[in-house]
Each structure stands twice: as C-alpha cells, then as structure tokens.
Amino acid sequence: MPRIVWVLVVSAFLCGGLLSAAGFAVGWRHQAQRGTSAESQLVAATATAHSLRAQLVAARADIKALRAQTGALSVTKTTLTRSAARLRAQLTAARRSLAAVSGAAVPLASDLDRLRNELRALSSYVSSTPTGQLDAGYLQAQLAYVTKTVDGFSAAVAAVAAPGR
C-alpha cells in the first residue's frame, strides 16, 4: 500500500504542478496582452505628446512673430497719428487762410465790378460822342478815377497775396 500512496502523492503533486503551470500560463498570457495594450497606449501617448510639443513650439513662434508685427504696427500707428495731427493743423491753417482770402476777395470783387462799370461808361462815352465834342476835363477826371481805382485794386490784391507767402 505504501507504493500506491506514493504514486497518488506524486500524481497529485504532478497534477497540481500541471494545473499551476496552466494557470500561470493563462495569467502570463493575459498579463502579456495587457502589457502589449499598455505599450500601444504608451506609444500613442508619446506620439501625441511629441505632436503637442511641436504644435506648442509652432504656436510660440507664431506668438513671437505676431508680437514683432504688433510692435511694428504700433510704431506705424504712432507715425500715422502724428502725421494726421500735422495734417489737421495744416488743414486748420489752410482754412483760416482761405477764410482770410475769401473775406478780402469780397471787397475786391466789388471794386472790380465798379471798375468794369466805369470802363464801360467811359468806353461808351468815347465811342458815342463825336471827336470834336469830347470833354478833355471829363476824360482826365475819369482816367484819374480809373487809375486811382486800379491802384487801390492792385494794393488790395498785393495785401491778399502777402499773407500766403
């Protein structure tokens, strides 16, 4: 009987070893699959991290370029603002000059109209009066008046032109 007991013990030991080996193999295979899955996920996460780092580097480069452009645009804006202020001042000065010239032109236009009327009247008198009946005193008085008016007109034109220089 002792041999059968030994055979049973050895058989039980071998059966237990085989069952343990089978369980270990199944567990090992399951663990290996989990490891492969984890490695795949790690590779994917690493690729994503590298992609995100590359995007971050590109975004930082874009930000740096945009900051440089912003600085250049700020300088341009400042220059344009100063130019606009100068142009506004020049426009205001030009408007004042135009107002002064326009104000001075009104009396000149009136003087010019009177001078034209006088010249028409004198021309009409000279052309309609026979030569023997022309009054030399009247003609001299009219010519003196026209000369005086033209001199006043010239002085007024010179006064209007002087502030523009």
N, C-alpha and C. Protein backbone atom coordinates (compact mmCIF):
# COMPACT_ATOMS: atom_id res chain seq x y z
N MET A 1 0.79 -1.18 0.00
CA MET A 1 0.00 0.00 0.00
C MET A 1 0.85 1.27 0.00
N PRO A 2 1.93 1.20 0.53
CA PRO A 2 2.71 2.40 0.53
C PRO A 2 3.08 2.86 -0.88
N ARG A 3 3.19 1.94 -1.82
CA ARG A 3 3.52 2.40 -3.15
C ARG A 3 2.38 3.15 -3.79
N ILE A 4 1.25 2.73 -3.60
CA ILE A 4 0.09 3.38 -4.19
C ILE A 4 -0.04 4.78 -3.57
N VAL A 5 0.25 4.91 -2.36
CA VAL A 5 0.16 6.20 -1.70
C VAL A 5 1.20 7.12 -2.33
N TRP A 6 2.37 6.52 -2.54
CA TRP A 6 3.41 7.34 -3.15
C TRP A 6 3.04 7.70 -4.58
N VAL A 7 2.46 6.84 -5.30
CA VAL A 7 2.05 7.12 -6.68
C VAL A 7 0.95 8.18 -6.64
N LEU A 8 0.05 8.05 -5.70
CA LEU A 8 -1.03 9.04 -5.59
C LEU A 8 -0.46 10.40 -5.20
N VAL A 9 0.46 10.43 -4.30
CA VAL A 9 1.06 11.68 -3.86
C VAL A 9 1.81 12.31 -5.03
N VAL A 10 2.59 11.50 -5.73
CA VAL A 10 3.36 12.00 -6.87
C VAL A 10 2.39 12.46 -7.96
N SER A 11 1.33 11.68 -8.21
CA SER A 11 0.33 12.04 -9.22
C SER A 11 -0.36 13.34 -8.82
N ALA A 12 -0.71 13.47 -7.55
CA ALA A 12 -1.36 14.69 -7.08
C ALA A 12 -0.40 15.87 -7.22
N PHE A 13 0.87 15.61 -6.86
CA PHE A 13 1.86 16.68 -6.98
C PHE A 13 2.02 17.11 -8.44
N LEU A 14 2.11 16.12 -9.36
CA LEU A 14 2.24 16.41 -10.78
C LEU A 14 0.99 17.11 -11.31
N CYS A 15 -0.17 16.64 -10.89
CA CYS A 15 -1.44 17.26 -11.32
C CYS A 15 -1.49 18.70 -10.82
N GLY A 16 -1.12 18.94 -9.58
CA GLY A 16 -1.10 20.29 -9.02
C GLY A 16 -0.11 21.17 -9.76
N GLY A 17 1.07 20.59 -10.10
CA GLY A 17 2.07 21.34 -10.84
C GLY A 17 1.57 21.71 -12.22
N LEU A 18 0.91 20.74 -12.88
CA LEU A 18 0.38 21.00 -14.21
C LEU A 18 -0.73 22.04 -14.15
N LEU A 19 -1.59 21.95 -13.17
CA LEU A 19 -2.66 22.95 -13.02
C LEU A 19 -2.07 24.32 -12.71
N SER A 20 -1.06 24.34 -11.88
CA SER A 20 -0.40 25.61 -11.56
C SER A 20 0.28 26.18 -12.80
N ALA A 21 0.91 25.30 -13.59
CA ALA A 21 1.58 25.76 -14.81
C ALA A 21 0.55 26.28 -15.80
N ALA A 22 -0.60 25.59 -15.90
CA ALA A 22 -1.65 26.04 -16.83
C ALA A 22 -2.20 27.39 -16.35
N GLY A 23 -2.46 27.55 -15.09
CA GLY A 23 -2.95 28.82 -14.54
C GLY A 23 -1.94 29.92 -14.73
N PHE A 24 -0.66 29.57 -14.49
CA PHE A 24 0.39 30.55 -14.68
C PHE A 24 0.49 30.97 -16.14
N ALA A 25 0.36 30.02 -17.06
CA ALA A 25 0.45 30.31 -18.49
C ALA A 25 -0.71 31.21 -18.92
N VAL A 26 -1.91 30.90 -18.41
CA VAL A 26 -3.07 31.74 -18.75
C VAL A 26 -2.88 33.14 -18.17
N GLY A 27 -2.46 33.22 -16.96
CA GLY A 27 -2.22 34.52 -16.31
C GLY A 27 -1.11 35.29 -17.03
N TRP A 28 -0.04 34.55 -17.42
CA TRP A 28 1.07 35.19 -18.12
C TRP A 28 0.61 35.76 -19.46
N ARG A 29 -0.20 34.95 -20.18
CA ARG A 29 -0.70 35.41 -21.47
C ARG A 29 -1.58 36.64 -21.28
N HIS A 30 -2.44 36.61 -20.29
CA HIS A 30 -3.31 37.76 -20.02
C HIS A 30 -2.47 38.98 -19.67
N GLN A 31 -1.48 38.79 -18.86
CA GLN A 31 -0.61 39.90 -18.45
C GLN A 31 0.19 40.42 -19.65
N ALA A 32 0.61 39.52 -20.51
CA ALA A 32 1.36 39.92 -21.70
C ALA A 32 0.47 40.75 -22.63
N GLN A 33 -0.81 40.35 -22.76
CA GLN A 33 -1.74 41.12 -23.59
C GLN A 33 -1.96 42.52 -22.98
N ARG A 34 -2.10 42.57 -21.67
CA ARG A 34 -2.26 43.86 -21.01
C ARG A 34 -1.01 44.72 -21.20
N GLY A 35 0.15 44.11 -21.13
CA GLY A 35 1.41 44.82 -21.33
C GLY A 35 1.51 45.36 -22.75
N THR A 36 1.12 44.54 -23.72
CA THR A 36 1.15 44.98 -25.12
C THR A 36 0.17 46.13 -25.32
N SER A 37 -1.00 46.03 -24.72
CA SER A 37 -2.01 47.09 -24.81
C SER A 37 -1.48 48.37 -24.15
N ALA A 38 -0.85 48.23 -23.01
CA ALA A 38 -0.28 49.39 -22.31
C ALA A 38 0.86 50.00 -23.13
N GLU A 39 1.69 49.15 -23.74
CA GLU A 39 2.77 49.66 -24.59
C GLU A 39 2.20 50.41 -25.79
N SER A 40 1.14 49.89 -26.39
CA SER A 40 0.50 50.56 -27.52
C SER A 40 -0.04 51.93 -27.09
N GLN A 41 -0.68 51.93 -25.94
CA GLN A 41 -1.21 53.20 -25.42
C GLN A 41 -0.07 54.16 -25.10
N LEU A 42 1.02 53.64 -24.56
CA LEU A 42 2.19 54.48 -24.26
C LEU A 42 2.78 55.06 -25.54
N VAL A 43 2.88 54.23 -26.57
CA VAL A 43 3.42 54.72 -27.86
C VAL A 43 2.49 55.81 -28.42
N ALA A 44 1.18 55.59 -28.35
CA ALA A 44 0.22 56.58 -28.85
C ALA A 44 0.30 57.86 -28.02
N ALA A 45 0.40 57.74 -26.71
CA ALA A 45 0.51 58.91 -25.85
C ALA A 45 1.81 59.67 -26.11
N THR A 46 2.90 58.93 -26.34
CA THR A 46 4.18 59.57 -26.64
C THR A 46 4.10 60.31 -27.96
N ALA A 47 3.47 59.70 -28.96
CA ALA A 47 3.31 60.37 -30.26
C ALA A 47 2.45 61.63 -30.11
N THR A 48 1.40 61.53 -29.32
CA THR A 48 0.54 62.69 -29.07
C THR A 48 1.33 63.79 -28.35
N ALA A 49 2.14 63.40 -27.37
CA ALA A 49 2.95 64.38 -26.64
C ALA A 49 3.94 65.07 -27.58
N HIS A 50 4.58 64.28 -28.47
CA HIS A 50 5.52 64.89 -29.43
C HIS A 50 4.78 65.84 -30.37
N SER A 51 3.61 65.43 -30.82
CA SER A 51 2.80 66.29 -31.70
C SER A 51 2.41 67.58 -30.98
N LEU A 52 1.98 67.46 -29.74
CA LEU A 52 1.60 68.64 -28.96
C LEU A 52 2.80 69.56 -28.71
N ARG A 53 3.97 68.97 -28.46
CA ARG A 53 5.17 69.78 -28.27
C ARG A 53 5.51 70.55 -29.56
N ALA A 54 5.38 69.86 -30.69
CA ALA A 54 5.65 70.53 -31.97
C ALA A 54 4.66 71.66 -32.20
N GLN A 55 3.39 71.42 -31.88
CA GLN A 55 2.38 72.47 -32.01
C GLN A 55 2.67 73.64 -31.08
N LEU A 56 3.12 73.33 -29.85
CA LEU A 56 3.46 74.37 -28.88
C LEU A 56 4.63 75.21 -29.39
N VAL A 57 5.65 74.57 -29.95
CA VAL A 57 6.79 75.30 -30.50
C VAL A 57 6.33 76.20 -31.64
N ALA A 58 5.48 75.66 -32.52
CA ALA A 58 4.97 76.46 -33.65
C ALA A 58 4.11 77.62 -33.13
N ALA A 59 3.28 77.37 -32.12
CA ALA A 59 2.44 78.43 -31.57
C ALA A 59 3.29 79.52 -30.92
N ARG A 60 4.35 79.13 -30.23
CA ARG A 60 5.25 80.11 -29.61
C ARG A 60 5.95 80.95 -30.68
N ALA A 61 6.35 80.30 -31.77
CA ALA A 61 6.98 81.03 -32.87
C ALA A 61 5.98 82.02 -33.49
N ASP A 62 4.73 81.56 -33.66
CA ASP A 62 3.69 82.46 -34.19
C ASP A 62 3.46 83.64 -33.26
N ILE A 63 3.42 83.38 -31.97
CA ILE A 63 3.21 84.45 -30.99
C ILE A 63 4.37 85.45 -31.06
N LYS A 64 5.57 84.93 -31.17
CA LYS A 64 6.74 85.82 -31.26
C LYS A 64 6.66 86.69 -32.52
N ALA A 65 6.30 86.06 -33.64
CA ALA A 65 6.16 86.82 -34.89
C ALA A 65 5.04 87.86 -34.78
N LEU A 66 3.93 87.47 -34.17
CA LEU A 66 2.81 88.40 -34.01
C LEU A 66 3.18 89.56 -33.09
N ARG A 67 3.96 89.28 -32.07
CA ARG A 67 4.41 90.36 -31.18
C ARG A 67 5.31 91.34 -31.94
N ALA A 68 6.17 90.80 -32.78
CA ALA A 68 7.04 91.68 -33.59
C ALA A 68 6.18 92.52 -34.54
N GLN A 69 5.18 91.89 -35.16
CA GLN A 69 4.29 92.63 -36.06
C GLN A 69 3.50 93.68 -35.27
N THR A 70 3.07 93.33 -34.07
CA THR A 70 2.33 94.27 -33.24
C THR A 70 3.19 95.48 -32.92
N GLY A 71 4.46 95.24 -32.61
CA GLY A 71 5.38 96.35 -32.33
C GLY A 71 5.54 97.24 -33.56
N ALA A 72 5.70 96.61 -34.72
CA ALA A 72 5.85 97.39 -35.96
C ALA A 72 4.57 98.17 -36.25
N LEU A 73 3.43 97.54 -36.04
CA LEU A 73 2.15 98.22 -36.27
C LEU A 73 1.95 99.36 -35.28
N SER A 74 2.42 99.18 -34.07
CA SER A 74 2.31 100.24 -33.07
C SER A 74 3.14 101.45 -33.49
N VAL A 75 4.35 101.19 -33.98
CA VAL A 75 5.21 102.29 -34.45
C VAL A 75 4.54 102.98 -35.64
N THR A 76 4.00 102.19 -36.56
CA THR A 76 3.32 102.75 -37.73
C THR A 76 2.11 103.57 -37.30
N LYS A 77 1.36 103.06 -36.32
CA LYS A 77 0.19 103.78 -35.83
C LYS A 77 0.61 105.13 -35.23
N THR A 78 1.67 105.11 -34.44
CA THR A 78 2.16 106.35 -33.84
C THR A 78 2.57 107.34 -34.91
N THR A 79 3.29 106.87 -35.91
CA THR A 79 3.71 107.73 -37.02
C THR A 79 2.51 108.31 -37.75
N LEU A 80 1.54 107.45 -38.03
CA LEU A 80 0.34 107.91 -38.74
C LEU A 80 -0.47 108.89 -37.89
N THR A 81 -0.52 108.66 -36.59
CA THR A 81 -1.24 109.58 -35.71
C THR A 81 -0.58 110.94 -35.72
N ARG A 82 0.75 110.96 -35.67
CA ARG A 82 1.47 112.25 -35.72
C ARG A 82 1.25 112.94 -37.07
N SER A 83 1.31 112.15 -38.13
CA SER A 83 1.09 112.72 -39.47
C SER A 83 -0.32 113.28 -39.59
N ALA A 84 -1.30 112.56 -39.05
CA ALA A 84 -2.68 113.03 -39.10
C ALA A 84 -2.83 114.33 -38.30
N ALA A 85 -2.16 114.42 -37.15
CA ALA A 85 -2.22 115.65 -36.35
C ALA A 85 -1.60 116.82 -37.12
N ARG A 86 -0.45 116.57 -37.76
CA ARG A 86 0.17 117.63 -38.56
C ARG A 86 -0.75 118.05 -39.71
N LEU A 87 -1.35 117.07 -40.37
CA LEU A 87 -2.25 117.39 -41.48
C LEU A 87 -3.48 118.17 -40.99
N ARG A 88 -3.99 117.81 -39.81
CA ARG A 88 -5.13 118.56 -39.26
C ARG A 88 -4.74 120.01 -38.99
N ALA A 89 -3.54 120.20 -38.43
CA ALA A 89 -3.06 121.56 -38.15
C ALA A 89 -2.88 122.33 -39.45
N GLN A 90 -2.33 121.68 -40.46
CA GLN A 90 -2.17 122.35 -41.75
C GLN A 90 -3.51 122.67 -42.38
N LEU A 91 -4.47 121.74 -42.23
CA LEU A 91 -5.81 121.97 -42.76
C LEU A 91 -6.47 123.15 -42.06
N THR A 92 -6.30 123.23 -40.75
CA THR A 92 -6.87 124.35 -39.99
C THR A 92 -6.24 125.67 -40.45
N ALA A 93 -4.92 125.66 -40.62
CA ALA A 93 -4.24 126.88 -41.09
C ALA A 93 -4.71 127.24 -42.50
N ALA A 94 -4.86 126.24 -43.35
CA ALA A 94 -5.33 126.49 -44.72
C ALA A 94 -6.75 127.04 -44.71
N ARG A 95 -7.58 126.52 -43.83
CA ARG A 95 -8.97 127.03 -43.74
C ARG A 95 -8.98 128.49 -43.28
N ARG A 96 -8.10 128.79 -42.31
CA ARG A 96 -8.00 130.19 -41.85
C ARG A 96 -7.54 131.09 -43.00
N SER A 97 -6.53 130.63 -43.73
CA SER A 97 -6.04 131.42 -44.87
C SER A 97 -7.12 131.58 -45.92
N LEU A 98 -7.85 130.52 -46.17
CA LEU A 98 -8.94 130.58 -47.15
C LEU A 98 -10.01 131.56 -46.69
N ALA A 99 -10.32 131.52 -45.39
CA ALA A 99 -11.32 132.47 -44.87
C ALA A 99 -10.82 133.90 -45.02
N ALA A 100 -9.53 134.12 -44.73
CA ALA A 100 -8.97 135.47 -44.86
C ALA A 100 -8.98 135.92 -46.31
N VAL A 101 -8.60 135.02 -47.21
CA VAL A 101 -8.59 135.37 -48.63
C VAL A 101 -10.02 135.60 -49.12
N SER A 102 -10.94 134.76 -48.70
CA SER A 102 -12.34 134.94 -49.11
C SER A 102 -12.90 136.25 -48.58
N GLY A 103 -12.54 136.57 -47.33
CA GLY A 103 -13.00 137.84 -46.76
C GLY A 103 -12.43 139.03 -47.50
N ALA A 104 -11.18 138.92 -47.91
CA ALA A 104 -10.55 140.02 -48.64
C ALA A 104 -11.02 140.06 -50.09
N ALA A 105 -11.47 138.93 -50.63
CA ALA A 105 -11.89 138.88 -52.03
C ALA A 105 -13.24 139.56 -52.25
N VAL A 106 -14.09 139.59 -51.23
CA VAL A 106 -15.41 140.20 -51.40
C VAL A 106 -15.29 141.68 -51.77
N PRO A 107 -14.51 142.48 -51.02
CA PRO A 107 -14.37 143.88 -51.43
C PRO A 107 -13.67 144.01 -52.78
N LEU A 108 -12.73 143.13 -53.07
CA LEU A 108 -12.04 143.18 -54.36
C LEU A 108 -13.02 142.94 -55.51
N ALA A 109 -13.91 142.00 -55.32
CA ALA A 109 -14.90 141.73 -56.37
C ALA A 109 -15.79 142.94 -56.57
N SER A 110 -16.15 143.60 -55.48
CA SER A 110 -16.97 144.81 -55.59
C SER A 110 -16.21 145.92 -56.31
N ASP A 111 -14.93 146.10 -55.95
CA ASP A 111 -14.10 147.11 -56.62
C ASP A 111 -13.93 146.78 -58.10
N LEU A 112 -13.78 145.52 -58.41
CA LEU A 112 -13.63 145.11 -59.80
C LEU A 112 -14.90 145.39 -60.59
N ASP A 113 -16.06 145.13 -59.99
CA ASP A 113 -17.33 145.42 -60.67
C ASP A 113 -17.47 146.93 -60.93
N ARG A 114 -17.12 147.75 -59.94
CA ARG A 114 -17.19 149.21 -60.14
C ARG A 114 -16.24 149.66 -61.24
N LEU A 115 -15.03 149.07 -61.27
CA LEU A 115 -14.06 149.42 -62.29
C LEU A 115 -14.57 149.05 -63.68
N ARG A 116 -15.18 147.89 -63.80
CA ARG A 116 -15.75 147.48 -65.08
C ARG A 116 -16.85 148.45 -65.53
N ASN A 117 -17.71 148.80 -64.58
CA ASN A 117 -18.80 149.72 -64.91
C ASN A 117 -18.24 151.08 -65.37
N GLU A 118 -17.23 151.56 -64.67
CA GLU A 118 -16.63 152.83 -65.05
C GLU A 118 -15.99 152.75 -66.43
N LEU A 119 -15.29 151.64 -66.70
CA LEU A 119 -14.67 151.48 -68.01
C LEU A 119 -15.71 151.38 -69.12
N ARG A 120 -16.82 150.71 -68.85
CA ARG A 120 -17.90 150.63 -69.84
C ARG A 120 -18.48 152.02 -70.11
N ALA A 121 -18.68 152.73 -69.01
CA ALA A 121 -19.25 154.07 -69.18
C ALA A 121 -18.29 154.97 -69.96
N LEU A 122 -17.01 154.90 -69.63
CA LEU A 122 -16.02 155.71 -70.32
C LEU A 122 -15.91 155.30 -71.79
N SER A 123 -15.89 153.98 -72.03
CA SER A 123 -15.82 153.48 -73.40
C SER A 123 -17.05 153.89 -74.19
N SER A 124 -18.20 153.82 -73.58
CA SER A 124 -19.45 154.22 -74.23
C SER A 124 -19.42 155.72 -74.55
N TYR A 125 -18.94 156.52 -73.60
CA TYR A 125 -18.84 157.97 -73.82
C TYR A 125 -17.92 158.29 -74.98
N VAL A 126 -16.74 157.60 -75.01
CA VAL A 126 -15.76 157.88 -76.06
C VAL A 126 -16.29 157.42 -77.42
N SER A 127 -16.96 156.27 -77.47
CA SER A 127 -17.42 155.75 -78.75
C SER A 127 -18.69 156.45 -79.26
N SER A 128 -19.51 156.95 -78.37
CA SER A 128 -20.77 157.55 -78.82
C SER A 128 -20.68 159.07 -79.02
N THR A 129 -19.67 159.70 -78.47
CA THR A 129 -19.52 161.15 -78.60
C THR A 129 -18.61 161.45 -79.79
N PRO A 130 -19.02 162.39 -80.65
CA PRO A 130 -18.14 162.76 -81.76
C PRO A 130 -16.83 163.32 -81.21
N THR A 131 -15.78 163.17 -81.97
CA THR A 131 -14.44 163.52 -81.51
C THR A 131 -14.34 165.00 -81.15
N GLY A 132 -14.94 165.84 -81.86
CA GLY A 132 -14.86 167.27 -81.58
C GLY A 132 -15.61 167.67 -80.33
N GLN A 133 -16.53 166.86 -79.86
CA GLN A 133 -17.34 167.22 -78.69
C GLN A 133 -16.87 166.55 -77.41
N LEU A 134 -15.78 165.80 -77.46
CA LEU A 134 -15.27 165.13 -76.26
C LEU A 134 -14.75 166.16 -75.28
N ASP A 135 -15.11 166.02 -74.03
CA ASP A 135 -14.69 166.95 -72.97
C ASP A 135 -13.40 166.42 -72.38
N ALA A 136 -12.29 167.15 -72.60
CA ALA A 136 -10.98 166.71 -72.13
C ALA A 136 -10.92 166.68 -70.61
N GLY A 137 -11.54 167.58 -69.93
CA GLY A 137 -11.55 167.60 -68.46
C GLY A 137 -12.27 166.39 -67.89
N TYR A 138 -13.40 166.08 -68.50
CA TYR A 138 -14.17 164.89 -68.05
C TYR A 138 -13.34 163.64 -68.26
N LEU A 139 -12.70 163.53 -69.46
CA LEU A 139 -11.88 162.35 -69.74
C LEU A 139 -10.71 162.25 -68.76
N GLN A 140 -10.06 163.37 -68.44
CA GLN A 140 -8.95 163.33 -67.49
C GLN A 140 -9.44 162.94 -66.09
N ALA A 141 -10.58 163.46 -65.71
CA ALA A 141 -11.14 163.11 -64.39
C ALA A 141 -11.48 161.62 -64.33
N GLN A 142 -12.08 161.10 -65.39
CA GLN A 142 -12.45 159.68 -65.43
C GLN A 142 -11.20 158.80 -65.44
N LEU A 143 -10.19 159.19 -66.23
CA LEU A 143 -8.94 158.41 -66.26
C LEU A 143 -8.24 158.46 -64.91
N ALA A 144 -8.26 159.60 -64.24
CA ALA A 144 -7.66 159.70 -62.91
C ALA A 144 -8.41 158.80 -61.91
N TYR A 145 -9.74 158.79 -62.02
CA TYR A 145 -10.55 157.94 -61.14
C TYR A 145 -10.24 156.46 -61.41
N VAL A 146 -10.18 156.08 -62.68
CA VAL A 146 -9.89 154.68 -63.03
C VAL A 146 -8.49 154.31 -62.56
N THR A 147 -7.52 155.20 -62.75
CA THR A 147 -6.15 154.94 -62.30
C THR A 147 -6.11 154.76 -60.79
N LYS A 148 -6.81 155.64 -60.08
CA LYS A 148 -6.86 155.54 -58.61
C LYS A 148 -7.50 154.22 -58.19
N THR A 149 -8.56 153.83 -58.85
CA THR A 149 -9.25 152.56 -58.53
C THR A 149 -8.35 151.37 -58.83
N VAL A 150 -7.65 151.40 -59.97
CA VAL A 150 -6.74 150.31 -60.32
C VAL A 150 -5.60 150.23 -59.32
N ASP A 151 -5.07 151.36 -58.88
CA ASP A 151 -4.00 151.36 -57.87
C ASP A 151 -4.51 150.77 -56.55
N GLY A 152 -5.71 151.14 -56.16
CA GLY A 152 -6.30 150.58 -54.93
C GLY A 152 -6.53 149.08 -55.07
N PHE A 153 -6.99 148.71 -56.27
CA PHE A 153 -7.23 147.30 -56.54
C PHE A 153 -5.91 146.52 -56.48
N SER A 154 -4.85 147.05 -57.05
CA SER A 154 -3.51 146.40 -57.03
C SER A 154 -3.01 146.27 -55.60
N ALA A 155 -3.19 147.32 -54.81
CA ALA A 155 -2.76 147.27 -53.40
C ALA A 155 -3.53 146.20 -52.63
N ALA A 156 -4.83 146.12 -52.89
CA ALA A 156 -5.65 145.12 -52.20
C ALA A 156 -5.24 143.70 -52.61
N VAL A 157 -4.96 143.51 -53.92
CA VAL A 157 -4.50 142.20 -54.38
C VAL A 157 -3.17 141.86 -53.73
N ALA A 158 -2.26 142.79 -53.64
CA ALA A 158 -0.96 142.56 -53.00
C ALA A 158 -1.14 142.22 -51.52
N ALA A 159 -2.08 142.86 -50.86
CA ALA A 159 -2.33 142.59 -49.43
C ALA A 159 -2.89 141.18 -49.25
N VAL A 160 -3.75 140.76 -50.17
CA VAL A 160 -4.31 139.41 -50.06
C VAL A 160 -3.23 138.37 -50.36
N ALA A 161 -2.37 138.64 -51.32
CA ALA A 161 -1.33 137.69 -51.70
C ALA A 161 -0.21 137.61 -50.67
N ALA A 162 0.04 138.68 -49.92
CA ALA A 162 1.17 138.74 -48.98
C ALA A 162 1.07 137.71 -47.87
N PRO A 163 -0.08 137.49 -47.19
CA PRO A 163 -0.09 136.51 -46.09
C PRO A 163 0.20 135.09 -46.56
N GLY A 164 -0.05 134.79 -47.81
CA GLY A 164 0.20 133.43 -48.30
C GLY A 164 1.66 133.12 -48.49
N ARG A 165 2.52 134.12 -48.45
CA ARG A 165 3.95 133.89 -48.71
C ARG A 165 4.69 133.57 -47.46
